[in-house]
Amino acid sequence: MAERKPFLLRVDPETFAALQRWAADDLRSMNGQAEFLLRRALQDTGRLPDRGRRPDPEEPEAAKEATRRQRAG
C-alpha cells in the first residue's frame, strides 16, 4: 500500500456532519471519504494523474484536455 502523509484538516461542524453522513452512506471512514473526494477533485481538474480511471461522459472538456496533456508528457 502507498505511504500516507498525515495532516490536520479543520472544518466547520456543518461540513463535518455532512461529510460524516456521506462517508456512512458510502461505507467509508471519514478519512477514506475525505481522501476519495480530494483525489477525485484533483483528477477532475487535471492536477493528478488518473491512474486508469474510466472516462466520465459528464466530465468537462477542459478537464479531459488537461488529462490528455498530462498523459502526453
PDB file of N, CA and C in Angstrom:
ATOM      1  N   MET A   1       0.835  -1.174   0.000  1.00  0.00           N
ATOM      2  CA  MET A   1       0.000   0.000   0.000  1.00  0.00           C
ATOM      3  C   MET A   1       0.883   1.242   0.000  1.00  0.00           C
ATOM      4  N   ALA A   2       0.428   2.310  -0.639  1.00  0.00           N
ATOM      5  CA  ALA A   2       1.196   3.544  -0.736  1.00  0.00           C
ATOM      6  C   ALA A   2       1.330   4.208   0.632  1.00  0.00           C
ATOM      7  N   GLU A   3       2.435   4.898   0.797  1.00  0.00           N
ATOM      8  CA  GLU A   3       2.670   5.629   2.039  1.00  0.00           C
ATOM      9  C   GLU A   3       1.653   6.753   2.174  1.00  0.00           C
ATOM     10  N   ARG A   4       1.188   7.011   3.372  1.00  0.00           N
ATOM     11  CA  ARG A   4       0.231   8.088   3.648  1.00  0.00           C
ATOM     12  C   ARG A   4       0.923   9.163   4.463  1.00  0.00           C
ATOM     13  N   LYS A   5       0.613  10.409   4.169  1.00  0.00           N
ATOM     14  CA  LYS A   5       1.154  11.544   4.917  1.00  0.00           C
ATOM     15  C   LYS A   5       0.020  12.136   5.756  1.00  0.00           C
ATOM     16  N   PRO A   6       0.143  12.112   7.057  1.00  0.00           N
ATOM     17  CA  PRO A   6      -0.919  12.664   7.907  1.00  0.00           C
ATOM     18  C   PRO A   6      -0.909  14.194   7.898  1.00  0.00           C
ATOM     19  N   PHE A   7      -2.108  14.775   7.996  1.00  0.00           N
ATOM     20  CA  PHE A   7      -2.209  16.216   8.173  1.00  0.00           C
ATOM     21  C   PHE A   7      -3.538  16.539   8.842  1.00  0.00           C
ATOM     22  N   LEU A   8      -3.583  17.674   9.498  1.00  0.00           N
ATOM     23  CA  LEU A   8      -4.764  18.102  10.218  1.00  0.00           C
ATOM     24  C   LEU A   8      -5.638  18.934   9.292  1.00  0.00           C
ATOM     25  N   LEU A   9      -6.933  18.661   9.291  1.00  0.00           N
ATOM     26  CA  LEU A   9      -7.879  19.420   8.482  1.00  0.00           C
ATOM     27  C   LEU A   9      -8.970  19.939   9.407  1.00  0.00           C
ATOM     28  N   ARG A  10      -9.133  21.251   9.426  1.00  0.00           N
ATOM     29  CA  ARG A  10     -10.172  21.849  10.260  1.00  0.00           C
ATOM     30  C   ARG A  10     -11.322  22.270   9.370  1.00  0.00           C
ATOM     31  N   VAL A  11     -12.523  21.848   9.739  1.00  0.00           N
ATOM     32  CA  VAL A  11     -13.731  22.223   9.013  1.00  0.00           C
ATOM     33  C   VAL A  11     -14.802  22.617  10.022  1.00  0.00           C
ATOM     34  N   ASP A  12     -15.782  23.375   9.547  1.00  0.00           N
ATOM     35  CA  ASP A  12     -16.859  23.782  10.442  1.00  0.00           C
ATOM     36  C   ASP A  12     -17.746  22.571  10.760  1.00  0.00           C
ATOM     37  N   PRO A  13     -18.490  22.624  11.847  1.00  0.00           N
ATOM     38  CA  PRO A  13     -19.298  21.475  12.270  1.00  0.00           C
ATOM     39  C   PRO A  13     -20.313  21.011  11.224  1.00  0.00           C
ATOM     40  N   GLU A  14     -20.903  21.926  10.487  1.00  0.00           N
ATOM     41  CA  GLU A  14     -21.886  21.549   9.464  1.00  0.00           C
ATOM     42  C   GLU A  14     -21.239  20.742   8.338  1.00  0.00           C
ATOM     43  N   THR A  15     -20.058  21.174   7.895  1.00  0.00           N
ATOM     44  CA  THR A  15     -19.326  20.439   6.858  1.00  0.00           C
ATOM     45  C   THR A  15     -18.905  19.070   7.378  1.00  0.00           C
ATOM     46  N   PHE A  16     -18.442  19.021   8.614  1.00  0.00           N
ATOM     47  CA  PHE A  16     -18.030  17.757   9.217  1.00  0.00           C
ATOM     48  C   PHE A  16     -19.201  16.773   9.263  1.00  0.00           C
ATOM     49  N   ALA A  17     -20.372  17.249   9.713  1.00  0.00           N
ATOM     50  CA  ALA A  17     -21.540  16.383   9.815  1.00  0.00           C
ATOM     51  C   ALA A  17     -21.971  15.874   8.436  1.00  0.00           C
ATOM     52  N   ALA A  18     -21.934  16.744   7.434  1.00  0.00           N
ATOM     53  CA  ALA A  18     -22.316  16.342   6.078  1.00  0.00           C
ATOM     54  C   ALA A  18     -21.341  15.295   5.539  1.00  0.00           C
ATOM     55  N   LEU A  19     -20.051  15.506   5.766  1.00  0.00           N
ATOM     56  CA  LEU A  19     -19.044  14.542   5.320  1.00  0.00           C
ATOM     57  C   LEU A  19     -19.199  13.214   6.051  1.00  0.00           C
ATOM     58  N   GLN A  20     -19.515  13.279   7.322  1.00  0.00           N
ATOM     59  CA  GLN A  20     -19.708  12.065   8.114  1.00  0.00           C
ATOM     60  C   GLN A  20     -20.903  11.261   7.586  1.00  0.00           C
ATOM     61  N   ARG A  21     -21.999  11.940   7.258  1.00  0.00           N
ATOM     62  CA  ARG A  21     -23.171  11.247   6.694  1.00  0.00           C
ATOM     63  C   ARG A  21     -22.833  10.624   5.349  1.00  0.00           C
ATOM     64  N   TRP A  22     -22.126  11.380   4.511  1.00  0.00           N
ATOM     65  CA  TRP A  22     -21.759  10.886   3.183  1.00  0.00           C
ATOM     66  C   TRP A  22     -20.849   9.669   3.293  1.00  0.00           C
ATOM     67  N   ALA A  23     -19.883   9.738   4.194  1.00  0.00           N
ATOM     68  CA  ALA A  23     -18.974   8.596   4.408  1.00  0.00           C
ATOM     69  C   ALA A  23     -19.769   7.368   4.833  1.00  0.00           C
ATOM     70  N   ALA A  24     -20.711   7.537   5.734  1.00  0.00           N
ATOM     71  CA  ALA A  24     -21.527   6.414   6.191  1.00  0.00           C
ATOM     72  C   ALA A  24     -22.355   5.849   5.043  1.00  0.00           C
ATOM     73  N   ASP A  25     -22.916   6.723   4.225  1.00  0.00           N
ATOM     74  CA  ASP A  25     -23.707   6.275   3.068  1.00  0.00           C
ATOM     75  C   ASP A  25     -22.869   5.448   2.100  1.00  0.00           C
ATOM     76  N   ASP A  26     -21.599   5.829   1.932  1.00  0.00           N
ATOM     77  CA  ASP A  26     -20.690   5.145   1.006  1.00  0.00           C
ATOM     78  C   ASP A  26     -19.885   4.032   1.675  1.00  0.00           C
ATOM     79  N   LEU A  27     -20.191   3.753   2.946  1.00  0.00           N
ATOM     80  CA  LEU A  27     -19.491   2.728   3.724  1.00  0.00           C
ATOM     81  C   LEU A  27     -17.983   2.967   3.765  1.00  0.00           C
ATOM     82  N   ARG A  28     -17.606   4.225   3.972  1.00  0.00           N
ATOM     83  CA  ARG A  28     -16.198   4.602   4.103  1.00  0.00           C
ATOM     84  C   ARG A  28     -15.978   5.245   5.463  1.00  0.00           C
ATOM     85  N   SER A  29     -14.727   5.260   5.883  1.00  0.00           N
ATOM     86  CA  SER A  29     -14.365   6.035   7.067  1.00  0.00           C
ATOM     87  C   SER A  29     -14.359   7.513   6.681  1.00  0.00           C
ATOM     88  N   MET A  30     -14.352   8.368   7.682  1.00  0.00           N
ATOM     89  CA  MET A  30     -14.262   9.814   7.402  1.00  0.00           C
ATOM     90  C   MET A  30     -12.977  10.115   6.630  1.00  0.00           C
ATOM     91  N   ASN A  31     -11.872   9.536   7.067  1.00  0.00           N
ATOM     92  CA  ASN A  31     -10.600   9.768   6.405  1.00  0.00           C
ATOM     93  C   ASN A  31     -10.643   9.253   4.964  1.00  0.00           C
ATOM     94  N   GLY A  32     -11.196   8.065   4.785  1.00  0.00           N
ATOM     95  CA  GLY A  32     -11.297   7.490   3.449  1.00  0.00           C
ATOM     96  C   GLY A  32     -12.160   8.329   2.532  1.00  0.00           C
ATOM     97  N   GLN A  33     -13.262   8.862   3.069  1.00  0.00           N
ATOM     98  CA  GLN A  33     -14.150   9.700   2.263  1.00  0.00           C
ATOM     99  C   GLN A  33     -13.461  11.002   1.873  1.00  0.00           C
ATOM    100  N   ALA A  34     -12.782  11.639   2.819  1.00  0.00           N
ATOM    101  CA  ALA A  34     -12.082  12.883   2.526  1.00  0.00           C
ATOM    102  C   ALA A  34     -10.997  12.649   1.473  1.00  0.00           C
ATOM    103  N   GLU A  35     -10.246  11.571   1.612  1.00  0.00           N
ATOM    104  CA  GLU A  35      -9.202  11.256   0.641  1.00  0.00           C
ATOM    105  C   GLU A  35      -9.809  10.980  -0.737  1.00  0.00           C
ATOM    106  N   PHE A  36     -10.910  10.234  -0.773  1.00  0.00           N
ATOM    107  CA  PHE A  36     -11.596   9.936  -2.030  1.00  0.00           C
ATOM    108  C   PHE A  36     -12.036  11.232  -2.720  1.00  0.00           C
ATOM    109  N   LEU A  37     -12.646  12.136  -1.962  1.00  0.00           N
ATOM    110  CA  LEU A  37     -13.138  13.385  -2.551  1.00  0.00           C
ATOM    111  C   LEU A  37     -12.000  14.287  -3.023  1.00  0.00           C
ATOM    112  N   LEU A  38     -10.937  14.366  -2.240  1.00  0.00           N
ATOM    113  CA  LEU A  38      -9.786  15.171  -2.647  1.00  0.00           C
ATOM    114  C   LEU A  38      -9.148  14.608  -3.914  1.00  0.00           C
ATOM    115  N   ARG A  39      -8.969  13.299  -3.941  1.00  0.00           N
ATOM    116  CA  ARG A  39      -8.366  12.663  -5.119  1.00  0.00           C
ATOM    117  C   ARG A  39      -9.231  12.884  -6.362  1.00  0.00           C
ATOM    118  N   ARG A  40     -10.544  12.706  -6.212  1.00  0.00           N
ATOM    119  CA  ARG A  40     -11.447  12.889  -7.343  1.00  0.00           C
ATOM    120  C   ARG A  40     -11.413  14.333  -7.843  1.00  0.00           C
ATOM    121  N   ALA A  41     -11.396  15.294  -6.935  1.00  0.00           N
ATOM    122  CA  ALA A  41     -11.325  16.702  -7.334  1.00  0.00           C
ATOM    123  C   ALA A  41     -10.017  16.996  -8.069  1.00  0.00           C
ATOM    124  N   LEU A  42      -8.909  16.444  -7.578  1.00  0.00           N
ATOM    125  CA  LEU A  42      -7.616  16.650  -8.234  1.00  0.00           C
ATOM    126  C   LEU A  42      -7.596  16.022  -9.624  1.00  0.00           C
ATOM    127  N   GLN A  43      -8.156  14.848  -9.762  1.00  0.00           N
ATOM    128  CA  GLN A  43      -8.208  14.189 -11.066  1.00  0.00           C
ATOM    129  C   GLN A  43      -9.114  14.951 -12.024  1.00  0.00           C
ATOM    130  N   ASP A  44     -10.266  15.380 -11.542  1.00  0.00           N
ATOM    131  CA  ASP A  44     -11.231  16.077 -12.391  1.00  0.00           C
ATOM    132  C   ASP A  44     -10.700  17.395 -12.922  1.00  0.00           C
ATOM    133  N   THR A  45      -9.779  18.007 -12.201  1.00  0.00           N
ATOM    134  CA  THR A  45      -9.210  19.278 -12.649  1.00  0.00           C
ATOM    135  C   THR A  45      -7.857  19.105 -13.338  1.00  0.00           C
ATOM    136  N   GLY A  46      -7.456  17.839 -13.555  1.00  0.00           N
ATOM    137  CA  GLY A  46      -6.213  17.579 -14.257  1.00  0.00           C
ATOM    138  C   GLY A  46      -4.963  17.835 -13.440  1.00  0.00           C
ATOM    139  N   ARG A  47      -5.091  17.845 -12.128  1.00  0.00           N
ATOM    140  CA  ARG A  47      -3.940  18.125 -11.258  1.00  0.00           C
ATOM    141  C   ARG A  47      -3.302  16.866 -10.691  1.00  0.00           C
ATOM    142  N   LEU A  48      -3.855  15.696 -11.028  1.00  0.00           N
ATOM    143  CA  LEU A  48      -3.333  14.429 -10.546  1.00  0.00           C
ATOM    144  C   LEU A  48      -3.572  13.390 -11.628  1.00  0.00           C
ATOM    145  N   PRO A  49      -2.572  12.583 -11.944  1.00  0.00           N
ATOM    146  CA  PRO A  49      -2.796  11.533 -12.947  1.00  0.00           C
ATOM    147  C   PRO A  49      -3.964  10.646 -12.526  1.00  0.00           C
ATOM    148  N   ASP A  50      -4.747  10.192 -13.495  1.00  0.00           N
ATOM    149  CA  ASP A  50      -5.955   9.448 -13.177  1.00  0.00           C
ATOM    150  C   ASP A  50      -5.736   7.960 -12.938  1.00  0.00           C
ATOM    151  N   ARG A  51      -4.578   7.417 -13.240  1.00  0.00           N
ATOM    152  CA  ARG A  51      -4.234   6.016 -12.993  1.00  0.00           C
ATOM    153  C   ARG A  51      -5.312   5.049 -13.471  1.00  0.00           C
ATOM    154  N   GLY A  52      -5.676   5.151 -14.745  1.00  0.00           N
ATOM    155  CA  GLY A  52      -6.577   4.178 -15.334  1.00  0.00           C
ATOM    156  C   GLY A  52      -8.048   4.417 -15.079  1.00  0.00           C
ATOM    157  N   ARG A  53      -8.408   5.601 -14.632  1.00  0.00           N
ATOM    158  CA  ARG A  53      -9.815   5.907 -14.384  1.00  0.00           C
ATOM    159  C   ARG A  53     -10.603   5.855 -15.682  1.00  0.00           C
ATOM    160  N   ARG A  54     -11.795   5.286 -15.625  1.00  0.00           N
ATOM    161  CA  ARG A  54     -12.658   5.251 -16.800  1.00  0.00           C
ATOM    162  C   ARG A  54     -13.153   6.652 -17.115  1.00  0.00           C
ATOM    163  N   PRO A  55     -13.246   7.028 -18.405  1.00  0.00           N
ATOM    164  CA  PRO A  55     -13.711   8.369 -18.743  1.00  0.00           C
ATOM    165  C   PRO A  55     -15.160   8.588 -18.305  1.00  0.00           C
ATOM    166  N   ASP A  56     -15.424   9.771 -17.822  1.00  0.00           N
ATOM    167  CA  ASP A  56     -16.763  10.153 -17.394  1.00  0.00           C
ATOM    168  C   ASP A  56     -17.394  11.003 -18.484  1.00  0.00           C
ATOM    169  N   PRO A  57     -18.516  10.587 -19.055  1.00  0.00           N
ATOM    170  CA  PRO A  57     -19.129  11.368 -20.127  1.00  0.00           C
ATOM    171  C   PRO A  57     -19.592  12.749 -19.668  1.00  0.00           C
ATOM    172  N   GLU A  58     -19.733  12.945 -18.359  1.00  0.00           N
ATOM    173  CA  GLU A  58     -20.156  14.243 -17.826  1.00  0.00           C
ATOM    174  C   GLU A  58     -18.965  15.171 -17.562  1.00  0.00           C
ATOM    175  N   GLU A  59     -17.752  14.652 -17.682  1.00  0.00           N
ATOM    176  CA  GLU A  59     -16.554  15.421 -17.362  1.00  0.00           C
ATOM    177  C   GLU A  59     -16.409  16.595 -18.325  1.00  0.00           C
ATOM    178  N   PRO A  60     -16.146  17.804 -17.808  1.00  0.00           N
ATOM    179  CA  PRO A  60     -15.971  18.964 -18.683  1.00  0.00           C
ATOM    180  C   PRO A  60     -14.816  18.759 -19.661  1.00  0.00           C
ATOM    181  N   GLU A  61     -14.960  19.310 -20.836  1.00  0.00           N
ATOM    182  CA  GLU A  61     -13.960  19.145 -21.890  1.00  0.00           C
ATOM    183  C   GLU A  61     -12.592  19.680 -21.459  1.00  0.00           C
ATOM    184  N   ALA A  62     -12.548  20.757 -20.700  1.00  0.00           N
ATOM    185  CA  ALA A  62     -11.268  21.323 -20.254  1.00  0.00           C
ATOM    186  C   ALA A  62     -10.503  20.322 -19.386  1.00  0.00           C
ATOM    187  N   ALA A  63     -11.209  19.613 -18.509  1.00  0.00           N
ATOM    188  CA  ALA A  63     -10.548  18.625 -17.659  1.00  0.00           C
ATOM    189  C   ALA A  63     -10.048  17.450 -18.496  1.00  0.00           C
ATOM    190  N   LYS A  64     -10.828  17.061 -19.520  1.00  0.00           N
ATOM    191  CA  LYS A  64     -10.380  15.990 -20.409  1.00  0.00           C
ATOM    192  C   LYS A  64      -9.102  16.389 -21.131  1.00  0.00           C
ATOM    193  N   GLU A  65      -9.047  17.634 -21.590  1.00  0.00           N
ATOM    194  CA  GLU A  65      -7.857  18.106 -22.299  1.00  0.00           C
ATOM    195  C   GLU A  65      -6.652  18.136 -21.360  1.00  0.00           C
ATOM    196  N   ALA A  66      -6.851  18.565 -20.133  1.00  0.00           N
ATOM    197  CA  ALA A  66      -5.750  18.579 -19.156  1.00  0.00           C
ATOM    198  C   ALA A  66      -5.233  17.165 -18.924  1.00  0.00           C
ATOM    199  N   THR A  67      -6.128  16.195 -18.845  1.00  0.00           N
ATOM    200  CA  THR A  67      -5.726  14.808 -18.660  1.00  0.00           C
ATOM    201  C   THR A  67      -4.926  14.325 -19.873  1.00  0.00           C
ATOM    202  N   ARG A  68      -5.367  14.685 -21.080  1.00  0.00           N
ATOM    203  CA  ARG A  68      -4.634  14.300 -22.284  1.00  0.00           C
ATOM    204  C   ARG A  68      -3.215  14.886 -22.287  1.00  0.00           C
ATOM    205  N   ARG A  69      -3.090  16.150 -21.894  1.00  0.00           N
ATOM    206  CA  ARG A  69      -1.765  16.803 -21.847  1.00  0.00           C
ATOM    207  C   ARG A  69      -0.862  16.109 -20.842  1.00  0.00           C
ATOM    208  N   GLN A  70      -1.422  15.739 -19.686  1.00  0.00           N
ATOM    209  CA  GLN A  70      -0.626  15.057 -18.667  1.00  0.00           C
ATOM    210  C   GLN A  70      -0.108  13.734 -19.191  1.00  0.00           C
ATOM    211  N   ARG A  71      -0.943  12.999 -19.869  1.00  0.00           N
ATOM    212  CA  ARG A  71      -0.542  11.693 -20.390  1.00  0.00           C
ATOM    213  C   ARG A  71       0.520  11.828 -21.475  1.00  0.00           C
ATOM    214  N   ALA A  72       0.460  12.912 -22.240  1.00  0.00           N
ATOM    215  CA  ALA A  72       1.388  13.118 -23.335  1.00  0.00           C
ATOM    216  C   ALA A  72       2.799  13.423 -22.820  1.00  0.00           C
ATOM    217  N   GLY A  73       2.882  13.865 -21.623  1.00  0.00           N
ATOM    218  CA  GLY A  73       4.222  14.046 -21.114  1.00  0.00           C
ATOM    219  C   GLY A  73       4.440  15.274 -20.387  1.00  0.00           C
TER     220      GLY A  73
END
